């Protein structure tokens, strides 16, 4: 994954810290607290890049919660913004492939849980 340098990009670094806090909560399986931090960012963000990144983090958090429909929804929503942690410069076909890959991954993981 690409690590964004929001300070170098001149983007709201104080709000970016809330994403980092949300990610910390997510890594501790404190999903409600993670979502609260992401929601705060969405209410304060004035940057498309930051908003898209936050929506992507929400999708990743839902993935960690095994809520795969929400995962795909939020990752798909994040594609509407100019940047996510993937190379989106190749066009719509790559977006579609990315979503298909997430769908395949979530399907695989859901079958693994039933073993």
PDB file of N, CA and C in Angstrom:
ATOM      1  N   UNK A   1       0.838  -1.184   0.000  1.00  0.00           N
ATOM      2  CA  UNK A   1       0.000   0.000   0.000  1.00  0.00           C
ATOM      3  C   UNK A   1       0.877   1.240   0.000  1.00  0.00           C
ATOM      4  N   UNK A   2       0.384   2.240  -0.660  1.00  0.00           N
ATOM      5  CA  UNK A   2       1.082   3.508  -0.741  1.00  0.00           C
ATOM      6  C   UNK A   2       0.747   4.327   0.481  1.00  0.00           C
ATOM      7  N   UNK A   3       1.745   4.876   1.128  1.00  0.00           N
ATOM      8  CA  UNK A   3       1.511   5.741   2.282  1.00  0.00           C
ATOM      9  C   UNK A   3       1.463   7.170   1.783  1.00  0.00           C
ATOM     10  N   UNK A   4       0.374   7.838   2.093  1.00  0.00           N
ATOM     11  CA  UNK A   4       0.184   9.199   1.619  1.00  0.00           C
ATOM     12  C   UNK A   4       0.900  10.176   2.529  1.00  0.00           C
ATOM     13  N   UNK A   5       1.599  11.138   1.937  1.00  0.00           N
ATOM     14  CA  UNK A   5       2.234  12.218   2.690  1.00  0.00           C
ATOM     15  C   UNK A   5       1.351  13.447   2.536  1.00  0.00           C
ATOM     16  N   UNK A   6       0.313  13.539   3.375  1.00  0.00           N
ATOM     17  CA  UNK A   6      -0.650  14.622   3.257  1.00  0.00           C
ATOM     18  C   UNK A   6      -0.001  15.975   3.510  1.00  0.00           C
ATOM     19  N   UNK A   7       0.977  16.030   4.404  1.00  0.00           N
ATOM     20  CA  UNK A   7       1.635  17.309   4.681  1.00  0.00           C
ATOM     21  C   UNK A   7       2.328  17.827   3.428  1.00  0.00           C
ATOM     22  N   UNK A   8       3.045  16.952   2.736  1.00  0.00           N
ATOM     23  CA  UNK A   8       3.734  17.356   1.507  1.00  0.00           C
ATOM     24  C   UNK A   8       2.737  17.777   0.443  1.00  0.00           C
ATOM     25  N   UNK A   9       1.571  17.148   0.436  1.00  0.00           N
ATOM     26  CA  UNK A   9       0.540  17.480  -0.535  1.00  0.00           C
ATOM     27  C   UNK A   9      -0.263  18.715  -0.133  1.00  0.00           C
ATOM     28  N   UNK A  10      -0.002  19.242   1.067  1.00  0.00           N
ATOM     29  CA  UNK A  10      -0.721  20.421   1.536  1.00  0.00           C
ATOM     30  C   UNK A  10      -2.149  20.140   1.945  1.00  0.00           C
ATOM     31  N   UNK A  11      -2.402  18.944   2.414  1.00  0.00           N
ATOM     32  CA  UNK A  11      -3.756  18.533   2.788  1.00  0.00           C
ATOM     33  C   UNK A  11      -3.876  18.507   4.302  1.00  0.00           C
ATOM     34  N   UNK A  12      -5.046  18.742   4.797  1.00  0.00           N
ATOM     35  CA  UNK A  12      -5.384  18.887   6.201  1.00  0.00           C
ATOM     36  C   UNK A  12      -4.758  17.834   7.107  1.00  0.00           C
ATOM     37  N   UNK A  13      -3.523  18.064   7.537  1.00  0.00           N
ATOM     38  CA  UNK A  13      -2.813  17.052   8.313  1.00  0.00           C
ATOM     39  C   UNK A  13      -3.417  16.842   9.696  1.00  0.00           C
ATOM     40  N   UNK A  14      -4.028  17.876  10.280  1.00  0.00           N
ATOM     41  CA  UNK A  14      -4.643  17.700  11.591  1.00  0.00           C
ATOM     42  C   UNK A  14      -5.797  16.701  11.519  1.00  0.00           C
ATOM     43  N   UNK A  15      -6.536  16.737  10.419  1.00  0.00           N
ATOM     44  CA  UNK A  15      -7.638  15.789  10.244  1.00  0.00           C
ATOM     45  C   UNK A  15      -7.100  14.405   9.884  1.00  0.00           C
ATOM     46  N   UNK A  16      -6.006  14.352   9.156  1.00  0.00           N
ATOM     47  CA  UNK A  16      -5.379  13.068   8.805  1.00  0.00           C
ATOM     48  C   UNK A  16      -5.050  12.272  10.062  1.00  0.00           C
ATOM     49  N   UNK A  17      -4.700  12.967  11.138  1.00  0.00           N
ATOM     50  CA  UNK A  17      -4.382  12.274  12.388  1.00  0.00           C
ATOM     51  C   UNK A  17      -5.581  11.481  12.911  1.00  0.00           C
ATOM     52  N   UNK A  18      -6.793  11.977  12.644  1.00  0.00           N
ATOM     53  CA  UNK A  18      -7.990  11.239  13.056  1.00  0.00           C
ATOM     54  C   UNK A  18      -8.122   9.919  12.277  1.00  0.00           C
ATOM     55  N   UNK A  19      -7.684   9.912  11.019  1.00  0.00           N
ATOM     56  CA  UNK A  19      -7.672   8.658  10.263  1.00  0.00           C
ATOM     57  C   UNK A  19      -6.697   7.691  10.912  1.00  0.00           C
ATOM     58  N   UNK A  20      -5.524   8.192  11.289  1.00  0.00           N
ATOM     59  CA  UNK A  20      -4.533   7.343  11.950  1.00  0.00           C
ATOM     60  C   UNK A  20      -5.075   6.771  13.258  1.00  0.00           C
ATOM     61  N   UNK A  21      -5.796   7.602  14.014  1.00  0.00           N
ATOM     62  CA  UNK A  21      -6.396   7.127  15.263  1.00  0.00           C
ATOM     63  C   UNK A  21      -7.450   6.060  14.960  1.00  0.00           C
ATOM     64  N   UNK A  22      -8.256   6.309  13.936  1.00  0.00           N
ATOM     65  CA  UNK A  22      -9.246   5.311  13.517  1.00  0.00           C
ATOM     66  C   UNK A  22      -8.594   4.001  13.125  1.00  0.00           C
ATOM     67  N   UNK A  23      -7.480   4.091  12.397  1.00  0.00           N
ATOM     68  CA  UNK A  23      -6.764   2.873  11.995  1.00  0.00           C
ATOM     69  C   UNK A  23      -6.220   2.128  13.207  1.00  0.00           C
ATOM     70  N   UNK A  24      -5.767   2.875  14.200  1.00  0.00           N
ATOM     71  CA  UNK A  24      -5.275   2.237  15.428  1.00  0.00           C
ATOM     72  C   UNK A  24      -6.409   1.484  16.119  1.00  0.00           C
ATOM     73  N   UNK A  25      -7.569   2.131  16.228  1.00  0.00           N
ATOM     74  CA  UNK A  25      -8.728   1.447  16.818  1.00  0.00           C
ATOM     75  C   UNK A  25      -9.093   0.206  16.000  1.00  0.00           C
ATOM     76  N   UNK A  26      -9.070   0.329  14.666  1.00  0.00           N
ATOM     77  CA  UNK A  26      -9.395  -0.820  13.812  1.00  0.00           C
ATOM     78  C   UNK A  26      -8.441  -1.975  14.087  1.00  0.00           C
ATOM     79  N   UNK A  27      -7.155  -1.664  14.216  1.00  0.00           N
ATOM     80  CA  UNK A  27      -6.164  -2.705  14.469  1.00  0.00           C
ATOM     81  C   UNK A  27      -6.332  -3.352  15.834  1.00  0.00           C
ATOM     82  N   UNK A  28      -7.048  -2.681  16.734  1.00  0.00           N
ATOM     83  CA  UNK A  28      -7.352  -3.242  18.054  1.00  0.00           C
ATOM     84  C   UNK A  28      -8.745  -3.870  18.081  1.00  0.00           C
ATOM     85  N   UNK A  29      -9.362  -3.995  16.908  1.00  0.00           N
ATOM     86  CA  UNK A  29     -10.719  -4.524  16.772  1.00  0.00           C
ATOM     87  C   UNK A  29     -11.757  -3.693  17.521  1.00  0.00           C
ATOM     88  N   UNK A  30     -11.498  -2.403  17.670  1.00  0.00           N
ATOM     89  CA  UNK A  30     -12.456  -1.463  18.264  1.00  0.00           C
ATOM     90  C   UNK A  30     -13.114  -0.715  17.110  1.00  0.00           C
ATOM     91  N   UNK A  31     -14.015  -1.409  16.438  1.00  0.00           N
ATOM     92  CA  UNK A  31     -14.547  -0.922  15.175  1.00  0.00           C
ATOM     93  C   UNK A  31     -15.462   0.287  15.337  1.00  0.00           C
ATOM     94  N   UNK A  32     -16.258   0.341  16.390  1.00  0.00           N
ATOM     95  CA  UNK A  32     -17.133   1.490  16.608  1.00  0.00           C
ATOM     96  C   UNK A  32     -16.310   2.767  16.748  1.00  0.00           C
ATOM     97  N   UNK A  33     -15.244   2.690  17.544  1.00  0.00           N
ATOM     98  CA  UNK A  33     -14.378   3.855  17.728  1.00  0.00           C
ATOM     99  C   UNK A  33     -13.688   4.246  16.418  1.00  0.00           C
ATOM    100  N   UNK A  34     -13.305   3.249  15.628  1.00  0.00           N
ATOM    101  CA  UNK A  34     -12.685   3.533  14.327  1.00  0.00           C
ATOM    102  C   UNK A  34     -13.668   4.292  13.444  1.00  0.00           C
ATOM    103  N   UNK A  35     -14.896   3.790  13.350  1.00  0.00           N
ATOM    104  CA  UNK A  35     -15.903   4.437  12.510  1.00  0.00           C
ATOM    105  C   UNK A  35     -16.209   5.853  12.989  1.00  0.00           C
ATOM    106  N   UNK A  36     -16.203   6.081  14.294  1.00  0.00           N
ATOM    107  CA  UNK A  36     -16.448   7.426  14.811  1.00  0.00           C
ATOM    108  C   UNK A  36     -15.385   8.404  14.323  1.00  0.00           C
ATOM    109  N   UNK A  37     -14.134   7.978  14.315  1.00  0.00           N
ATOM    110  CA  UNK A  37     -13.054   8.840  13.839  1.00  0.00           C
ATOM    111  C   UNK A  37     -13.176   9.102  12.338  1.00  0.00           C
ATOM    112  N   UNK A  38     -13.505   8.082  11.575  1.00  0.00           N
ATOM    113  CA  UNK A  38     -13.668   8.274  10.130  1.00  0.00           C
ATOM    114  C   UNK A  38     -14.835   9.212   9.830  1.00  0.00           C
ATOM    115  N   UNK A  39     -15.944   9.056  10.560  1.00  0.00           N
ATOM    116  CA  UNK A  39     -17.096   9.942  10.348  1.00  0.00           C
ATOM    117  C   UNK A  39     -16.717  11.390  10.642  1.00  0.00           C
ATOM    118  N   UNK A  40     -15.929  11.594  11.689  1.00  0.00           N
ATOM    119  CA  UNK A  40     -15.474  12.945  12.000  1.00  0.00           C
ATOM    120  C   UNK A  40     -14.694  13.533  10.823  1.00  0.00           C
ATOM    121  N   UNK A  41     -13.796  12.744  10.267  1.00  0.00           N
ATOM    122  CA  UNK A  41     -13.003  13.218   9.134  1.00  0.00           C
ATOM    123  C   UNK A  41     -13.920  13.607   7.976  1.00  0.00           C
ATOM    124  N   UNK A  42     -14.906  12.778   7.704  1.00  0.00           N
ATOM    125  CA  UNK A  42     -15.810  13.070   6.582  1.00  0.00           C
ATOM    126  C   UNK A  42     -16.587  14.365   6.794  1.00  0.00           C
ATOM    127  N   UNK A  43     -16.894  14.690   8.048  1.00  0.00           N
ATOM    128  CA  UNK A  43     -17.622  15.940   8.311  1.00  0.00           C
ATOM    129  C   UNK A  43     -16.710  17.157   8.235  1.00  0.00           C
ATOM    130  N   UNK A  44     -15.405  16.971   8.385  1.00  0.00           N
ATOM    131  CA  UNK A  44     -14.470  18.097   8.418  1.00  0.00           C
ATOM    132  C   UNK A  44     -13.654  18.264   7.136  1.00  0.00           C
ATOM    133  N   UNK A  45     -13.576  17.242   6.333  1.00  0.00           N
ATOM    134  CA  UNK A  45     -12.700  17.261   5.168  1.00  0.00           C
ATOM    135  C   UNK A  45     -13.206  18.222   4.100  1.00  0.00           C
ATOM    136  N   UNK A  46     -12.268  18.988   3.567  1.00  0.00           N
ATOM    137  CA  UNK A  46     -12.567  19.852   2.425  1.00  0.00           C
ATOM    138  C   UNK A  46     -11.772  19.404   1.201  1.00  0.00           C
ATOM    139  N   UNK A  47     -11.072  18.297   1.323  1.00  0.00           N
ATOM    140  CA  UNK A  47     -10.210  17.798   0.255  1.00  0.00           C
ATOM    141  C   UNK A  47     -10.755  16.487  -0.297  1.00  0.00           C
ATOM    142  N   UNK A  48     -10.881  16.416  -1.602  1.00  0.00           N
ATOM    143  CA  UNK A  48     -11.374  15.209  -2.248  1.00  0.00           C
ATOM    144  C   UNK A  48     -10.465  14.016  -1.961  1.00  0.00           C
ATOM    145  N   UNK A  49      -9.167  14.238  -2.008  1.00  0.00           N
ATOM    146  CA  UNK A  49      -8.208  13.159  -1.750  1.00  0.00           C
ATOM    147  C   UNK A  49      -8.384  12.587  -0.352  1.00  0.00           C
ATOM    148  N   UNK A  50      -8.522  13.456   0.629  1.00  0.00           N
ATOM    149  CA  UNK A  50      -8.694  13.019   2.008  1.00  0.00           C
ATOM    150  C   UNK A  50     -10.026  12.297   2.197  1.00  0.00           C
ATOM    151  N   UNK A  51     -11.074  12.808   1.577  1.00  0.00           N
ATOM    152  CA  UNK A  51     -12.384  12.166   1.669  1.00  0.00           C
ATOM    153  C   UNK A  51     -12.345  10.766   1.058  1.00  0.00           C
ATOM    154  N   UNK A  52     -11.765  10.650  -0.120  1.00  0.00           N
ATOM    155  CA  UNK A  52     -11.662   9.339  -0.762  1.00  0.00           C
ATOM    156  C   UNK A  52     -10.853   8.353   0.056  1.00  0.00           C
ATOM    157  N   UNK A  53      -9.763   8.836   0.630  1.00  0.00           N
ATOM    158  CA  UNK A  53      -8.917   7.972   1.472  1.00  0.00           C
ATOM    159  C   UNK A  53      -9.697   7.497   2.696  1.00  0.00           C
ATOM    160  N   UNK A  54     -10.480   8.397   3.295  1.00  0.00           N
ATOM    161  CA  UNK A  54     -11.269   8.043   4.482  1.00  0.00           C
ATOM    162  C   UNK A  54     -12.333   7.007   4.138  1.00  0.00           C
ATOM    163  N   UNK A  55     -13.000   7.193   3.019  1.00  0.00           N
ATOM    164  CA  UNK A  55     -14.019   6.228   2.594  1.00  0.00           C
ATOM    165  C   UNK A  55     -13.377   4.867   2.353  1.00  0.00           C
ATOM    166  N   UNK A  56     -12.180   4.872   1.807  1.00  0.00           N
ATOM    167  CA  UNK A  56     -11.459   3.612   1.612  1.00  0.00           C
ATOM    168  C   UNK A  56     -11.171   2.952   2.953  1.00  0.00           C
ATOM    169  N   UNK A  57     -10.733   3.727   3.943  1.00  0.00           N
ATOM    170  CA  UNK A  57     -10.457   3.162   5.270  1.00  0.00           C
ATOM    171  C   UNK A  57     -11.719   2.587   5.905  1.00  0.00           C
ATOM    172  N   UNK A  58     -12.862   3.218   5.668  1.00  0.00           N
ATOM    173  CA  UNK A  58     -14.130   2.674   6.157  1.00  0.00           C
ATOM    174  C   UNK A  58     -14.369   1.304   5.527  1.00  0.00           C
ATOM    175  N   UNK A  59     -14.110   1.191   4.227  1.00  0.00           N
ATOM    176  CA  UNK A  59     -14.259  -0.098   3.550  1.00  0.00           C
ATOM    177  C   UNK A  59     -13.349  -1.160   4.126  1.00  0.00           C
ATOM    178  N   UNK A  60     -12.120  -0.791   4.408  1.00  0.00           N
ATOM    179  CA  UNK A  60     -11.165  -1.737   4.992  1.00  0.00           C
ATOM    180  C   UNK A  60     -11.630  -2.164   6.382  1.00  0.00           C
ATOM    181  N   UNK A  61     -12.195  -1.218   7.132  1.00  0.00           N
ATOM    182  CA  UNK A  61     -12.694  -1.548   8.473  1.00  0.00           C
ATOM    183  C   UNK A  61     -13.858  -2.523   8.389  1.00  0.00           C
ATOM    184  N   UNK A  62     -14.765  -2.302   7.449  1.00  0.00           N
ATOM    185  CA  UNK A  62     -15.859  -3.261   7.268  1.00  0.00           C
ATOM    186  C   UNK A  62     -15.331  -4.628   6.850  1.00  0.00           C
ATOM    187  N   UNK A  63     -14.271  -4.636   6.070  1.00  0.00           N
ATOM    188  CA  UNK A  63     -13.648  -5.909   5.697  1.00  0.00           C
ATOM    189  C   UNK A  63     -13.167  -6.653   6.939  1.00  0.00           C
ATOM    190  N   UNK A  64     -12.514  -5.917   7.839  1.00  0.00           N
ATOM    191  CA  UNK A  64     -12.033  -6.536   9.081  1.00  0.00           C
ATOM    192  C   UNK A  64     -13.176  -7.034   9.947  1.00  0.00           C
ATOM    193  N   UNK A  65     -14.363  -6.446   9.776  1.00  0.00           N
ATOM    194  CA  UNK A  65     -15.544  -6.874  10.523  1.00  0.00           C
ATOM    195  C   UNK A  65     -16.287  -7.999   9.809  1.00  0.00           C
ATOM    196  N   UNK A  66     -15.755  -8.447   8.673  1.00  0.00           N
ATOM    197  CA  UNK A  66     -16.399  -9.478   7.852  1.00  0.00           C
ATOM    198  C   UNK A  66     -17.761  -9.041   7.332  1.00  0.00           C
ATOM    199  N   UNK A  67     -17.939  -7.750   7.113  1.00  0.00           N
ATOM    200  CA  UNK A  67     -19.157  -7.191   6.523  1.00  0.00           C
ATOM    201  C   UNK A  67     -18.843  -6.889   5.064  1.00  0.00           C
ATOM    202  N   UNK A  68     -18.897  -7.927   4.259  1.00  0.00           N
ATOM    203  CA  UNK A  68     -18.355  -7.843   2.909  1.00  0.00           C
ATOM    204  C   UNK A  68     -19.200  -6.995   1.960  1.00  0.00           C
ATOM    205  N   UNK A  69     -20.513  -6.971   2.142  1.00  0.00           N
ATOM    206  CA  UNK A  69     -21.331  -6.096   1.300  1.00  0.00           C
ATOM    207  C   UNK A  69     -20.962  -4.638   1.539  1.00  0.00           C
ATOM    208  N   UNK A  70     -20.800  -4.268   2.798  1.00  0.00           N
ATOM    209  CA  UNK A  70     -20.395  -2.896   3.119  1.00  0.00           C
ATOM    210  C   UNK A  70     -18.977  -2.616   2.633  1.00  0.00           C
ATOM    211  N   UNK A  71     -18.111  -3.621   2.726  1.00  0.00           N
ATOM    212  CA  UNK A  71     -16.741  -3.469   2.235  1.00  0.00           C
ATOM    213  C   UNK A  71     -16.750  -3.072   0.765  1.00  0.00           C
ATOM    214  N   UNK A  72     -17.440  -3.843  -0.047  1.00  0.00           N
ATOM    215  CA  UNK A  72     -17.462  -3.583  -1.482  1.00  0.00           C
ATOM    216  C   UNK A  72     -18.120  -2.239  -1.764  1.00  0.00           C
ATOM    217  N   UNK A  73     -19.194  -1.910  -1.036  1.00  0.00           N
ATOM    218  CA  UNK A  73     -19.870  -0.631  -1.249  1.00  0.00           C
ATOM    219  C   UNK A  73     -18.905   0.531  -1.014  1.00  0.00           C
ATOM    220  N   UNK A  74     -18.223   0.548   0.130  1.00  0.00           N
ATOM    221  CA  UNK A  74     -17.356   1.682   0.456  1.00  0.00           C
ATOM    222  C   UNK A  74     -16.104   1.727  -0.417  1.00  0.00           C
ATOM    223  N   UNK A  75     -15.562   0.591  -0.751  1.00  0.00           N
ATOM    224  CA  UNK A  75     -14.406   0.613  -1.661  1.00  0.00           C
ATOM    225  C   UNK A  75     -14.826   1.118  -3.039  1.00  0.00           C
ATOM    226  N   UNK A  76     -16.011   0.737  -3.469  1.00  0.00           N
ATOM    227  CA  UNK A  76     -16.529   1.235  -4.735  1.00  0.00           C
ATOM    228  C   UNK A  76     -16.754   2.747  -4.658  1.00  0.00           C
ATOM    229  N   UNK A  77     -17.312   3.219  -3.555  1.00  0.00           N
ATOM    230  CA  UNK A  77     -17.520   4.657  -3.371  1.00  0.00           C
ATOM    231  C   UNK A  77     -16.192   5.414  -3.398  1.00  0.00           C
ATOM    232  N   UNK A  78     -15.168   4.841  -2.819  1.00  0.00           N
ATOM    233  CA  UNK A  78     -13.866   5.533  -2.768  1.00  0.00           C
ATOM    234  C   UNK A  78     -13.290   5.738  -4.161  1.00  0.00           C
ATOM    235  N   UNK A  79     -13.716   4.925  -5.115  1.00  0.00           N
ATOM    236  CA  UNK A  79     -13.214   5.052  -6.484  1.00  0.00           C
ATOM    237  C   UNK A  79     -13.724   6.309  -7.174  1.00  0.00           C
ATOM    238  N   UNK A  80     -14.714   6.957  -6.610  1.00  0.00           N
ATOM    239  CA  UNK A  80     -15.253   8.184  -7.192  1.00  0.00           C
ATOM    240  C   UNK A  80     -14.357   9.387  -6.925  1.00  0.00           C
ATOM    241  N   UNK A  81     -13.365   9.199  -6.089  1.00  0.00           N
ATOM    242  CA  UNK A  81     -12.457  10.278  -5.716  1.00  0.00           C
ATOM    243  C   UNK A  81     -11.157  10.115  -6.494  1.00  0.00           C
ATOM    244  N   UNK A  82     -10.353  11.177  -6.580  1.00  0.00           N
ATOM    245  CA  UNK A  82      -9.215  11.128  -7.500  1.00  0.00           C
ATOM    246  C   UNK A  82      -8.092  10.188  -7.124  1.00  0.00           C
ATOM    247  N   UNK A  83      -8.116   9.619  -5.914  1.00  0.00           N
ATOM    248  CA  UNK A  83      -7.006   8.771  -5.508  1.00  0.00           C
ATOM    249  C   UNK A  83      -7.447   7.813  -4.432  1.00  0.00           C
ATOM    250  N   UNK A  84      -6.991   6.572  -4.540  1.00  0.00           N
ATOM    251  CA  UNK A  84      -7.046   5.596  -3.462  1.00  0.00           C
ATOM    252  C   UNK A  84      -5.693   4.926  -3.451  1.00  0.00           C
ATOM    253  N   UNK A  85      -5.474   3.998  -2.574  1.00  0.00           N
ATOM    254  CA  UNK A  85      -4.155   3.372  -2.456  1.00  0.00           C
ATOM    255  C   UNK A  85      -3.885   2.348  -3.554  1.00  0.00           C
ATOM    256  N   UNK A  86      -4.354   2.598  -4.745  1.00  0.00           N
ATOM    257  CA  UNK A  86      -4.107   1.756  -5.898  1.00  0.00           C
ATOM    258  C   UNK A  86      -3.846   2.670  -7.090  1.00  0.00           C
ATOM    259  N   UNK A  87      -3.206   2.171  -8.110  1.00  0.00           N
ATOM    260  CA  UNK A  87      -2.977   2.951  -9.319  1.00  0.00           C
ATOM    261  C   UNK A  87      -4.260   3.006 -10.124  1.00  0.00           C
ATOM    262  N   UNK A  88      -4.921   4.128 -10.096  1.00  0.00           N
ATOM    263  CA  UNK A  88      -6.198   4.265 -10.773  1.00  0.00           C
ATOM    264  C   UNK A  88      -6.044   4.987 -12.111  1.00  0.00           C
ATOM    265  N   UNK A  89      -4.839   5.112 -12.616  1.00  0.00           N
ATOM    266  CA  UNK A  89      -4.599   5.886 -13.826  1.00  0.00           C
ATOM    267  C   UNK A  89      -4.944   5.130 -15.101  1.00  0.00           C
ATOM    268  N   UNK A  90      -5.307   3.861 -14.996  1.00  0.00           N
ATOM    269  CA  UNK A  90      -5.501   3.049 -16.196  1.00  0.00           C
ATOM    270  C   UNK A  90      -6.946   2.995 -16.672  1.00  0.00           C
ATOM    271  N   UNK A  91      -7.857   3.600 -15.960  1.00  0.00           N
ATOM    272  CA  UNK A  91      -9.216   3.687 -16.465  1.00  0.00           C
ATOM    273  C   UNK A  91     -10.217   2.778 -15.780  1.00  0.00           C
ATOM    274  N   UNK A  92     -11.459   2.843 -16.247  1.00  0.00           N
ATOM    275  CA  UNK A  92     -12.594   2.151 -15.628  1.00  0.00           C
ATOM    276  C   UNK A  92     -12.394   0.650 -15.552  1.00  0.00           C
ATOM    277  N   UNK A  93     -11.784   0.058 -16.538  1.00  0.00           N
ATOM    278  CA  UNK A  93     -11.593  -1.390 -16.536  1.00  0.00           C
ATOM    279  C   UNK A  93     -10.853  -1.828 -15.278  1.00  0.00           C
ATOM    280  N   UNK A  94      -9.845  -1.055 -14.868  1.00  0.00           N
ATOM    281  CA  UNK A  94      -9.109  -1.401 -13.657  1.00  0.00           C
ATOM    282  C   UNK A  94      -9.976  -1.248 -12.417  1.00  0.00           C
ATOM    283  N   UNK A  95     -10.838  -0.227 -12.382  1.00  0.00           N
ATOM    284  CA  UNK A  95     -11.754  -0.082 -11.252  1.00  0.00           C
ATOM    285  C   UNK A  95     -12.617  -1.326 -11.131  1.00  0.00           C
ATOM    286  N   UNK A  96     -13.173  -1.725 -12.268  1.00  0.00           N
ATOM    287  CA  UNK A  96     -14.049  -2.892 -12.279  1.00  0.00           C
ATOM    288  C   UNK A  96     -13.282  -4.142 -11.838  1.00  0.00           C
ATOM    289  N   UNK A  97     -12.053  -4.281 -12.315  1.00  0.00           N
ATOM    290  CA  UNK A  97     -11.231  -5.433 -11.929  1.00  0.00           C
ATOM    291  C   UNK A  97     -10.935  -5.405 -10.429  1.00  0.00           C
ATOM    292  N   UNK A  98     -10.670  -4.221  -9.895  1.00  0.00           N
ATOM    293  CA  UNK A  98     -10.401  -4.102  -8.464  1.00  0.00           C
ATOM    294  C   UNK A  98     -11.597  -4.571  -7.653  1.00  0.00           C
ATOM    295  N   UNK A  99     -12.778  -4.113  -8.011  1.00  0.00           N
ATOM    296  CA  UNK A  99     -13.988  -4.515  -7.290  1.00  0.00           C
ATOM    297  C   UNK A  99     -14.234  -6.017  -7.454  1.00  0.00           C
ATOM    298  N   UNK A 100     -14.015  -6.543  -8.653  1.00  0.00           N
ATOM    299  CA  UNK A 100     -14.177  -7.981  -8.861  1.00  0.00           C
ATOM    300  C   UNK A 100     -13.206  -8.761  -7.984  1.00  0.00           C
ATOM    301  N   UNK A 101     -11.968  -8.285  -7.870  1.00  0.00           N
ATOM    302  CA  UNK A 101     -10.984  -8.966  -7.030  1.00  0.00           C
ATOM    303  C   UNK A 101     -11.394  -8.937  -5.568  1.00  0.00           C
ATOM    304  N   UNK A 102     -11.921  -7.800  -5.092  1.00  0.00           N
ATOM    305  CA  UNK A 102     -12.402  -7.750  -3.715  1.00  0.00           C
ATOM    306  C   UNK A 102     -13.555  -8.719  -3.524  1.00  0.00           C
ATOM    307  N   UNK A 103     -14.448  -8.787  -4.526  1.00  0.00           N
ATOM    308  CA  UNK A 103     -15.563  -9.730  -4.445  1.00  0.00           C
ATOM    309  C   UNK A 103     -15.076 -11.163  -4.369  1.00  0.00           C
ATOM    310  N   UNK A 104     -14.078 -11.498  -5.185  1.00  0.00           N
ATOM    311  CA  UNK A 104     -13.524 -12.855  -5.152  1.00  0.00           C
ATOM    312  C   UNK A 104     -12.865 -13.139  -3.814  1.00  0.00           C
ATOM    313  N   UNK A 105     -12.153 -12.163  -3.287  1.00  0.00           N
ATOM    314  CA  UNK A 105     -11.473 -12.338  -2.001  1.00  0.00           C
ATOM    315  C   UNK A 105     -12.484 -12.532  -0.881  1.00  0.00           C
ATOM    316  N   UNK A 106     -13.518 -11.689  -0.854  1.00  0.00           N
ATOM    317  CA  UNK A 106     -14.507 -11.816   0.214  1.00  0.00           C
ATOM    318  C   UNK A 106     -15.260 -13.137   0.119  1.00  0.00           C
ATOM    319  N   UNK A 107     -15.537 -13.588  -1.098  1.00  0.00           N
ATOM    320  CA  UNK A 107     -16.201 -14.877  -1.268  1.00  0.00           C
ATOM    321  C   UNK A 107     -15.307 -16.001  -0.743  1.00  0.00           C
ATOM    322  N   UNK A 108     -14.029 -15.935  -1.072  1.00  0.00           N
ATOM    323  CA  UNK A 108     -13.074 -16.939  -0.608  1.00  0.00           C
ATOM    324  C   UNK A 108     -12.999 -16.944   0.923  1.00  0.00           C
ATOM    325  N   UNK A 109     -12.912 -15.760   1.518  1.00  0.00           N
ATOM    326  CA  UNK A 109     -12.794 -15.694   2.972  1.00  0.00           C
ATOM    327  C   UNK A 109     -14.055 -16.191   3.655  1.00  0.00           C
ATOM    328  N   UNK A 110     -15.214 -15.896   3.078  1.00  0.00           N
ATOM    329  CA  UNK A 110     -16.451 -16.354   3.707  1.00  0.00           C
ATOM    330  C   UNK A 110     -16.577 -17.870   3.662  1.00  0.00           C
ATOM    331  N   UNK A 111     -16.053 -18.506   2.609  1.00  0.00           N
ATOM    332  CA  UNK A 111     -16.094 -19.972   2.554  1.00  0.00           C
ATOM    333  C   UNK A 111     -15.089 -20.574   3.524  1.00  0.00           C
ATOM    334  N   UNK A 112     -13.970 -19.871   3.771  1.00  0.00           N
ATOM    335  CA  UNK A 112     -12.981 -20.372   4.708  1.00  0.00           C
ATOM    336  C   UNK A 112     -13.525 -20.401   6.138  1.00  0.00           C
ATOM    337  N   UNK A 113     -14.384 -19.447   6.465  1.00  0.00           N
ATOM    338  CA  UNK A 113     -14.955 -19.400   7.811  1.00  0.00           C
ATOM    339  C   UNK A 113     -15.868 -20.579   8.079  1.00  0.00           C
ATOM    340  N   UNK A 114     -16.409 -21.179   7.016  1.00  0.00           N
ATOM    341  CA  UNK A 114     -17.352 -22.289   7.185  1.00  0.00           C
ATOM    342  C   UNK A 114     -16.669 -23.660   7.236  1.00  0.00           C
ATOM    343  N   UNK A 115     -15.349 -23.677   7.152  1.00  0.00           N
ATOM    344  CA  UNK A 115     -14.657 -24.959   7.173  1.00  0.00           C
ATOM    345  C   UNK A 115     -14.655 -25.606   8.520  1.00  0.00           C
TER     346      UNK A 115
END
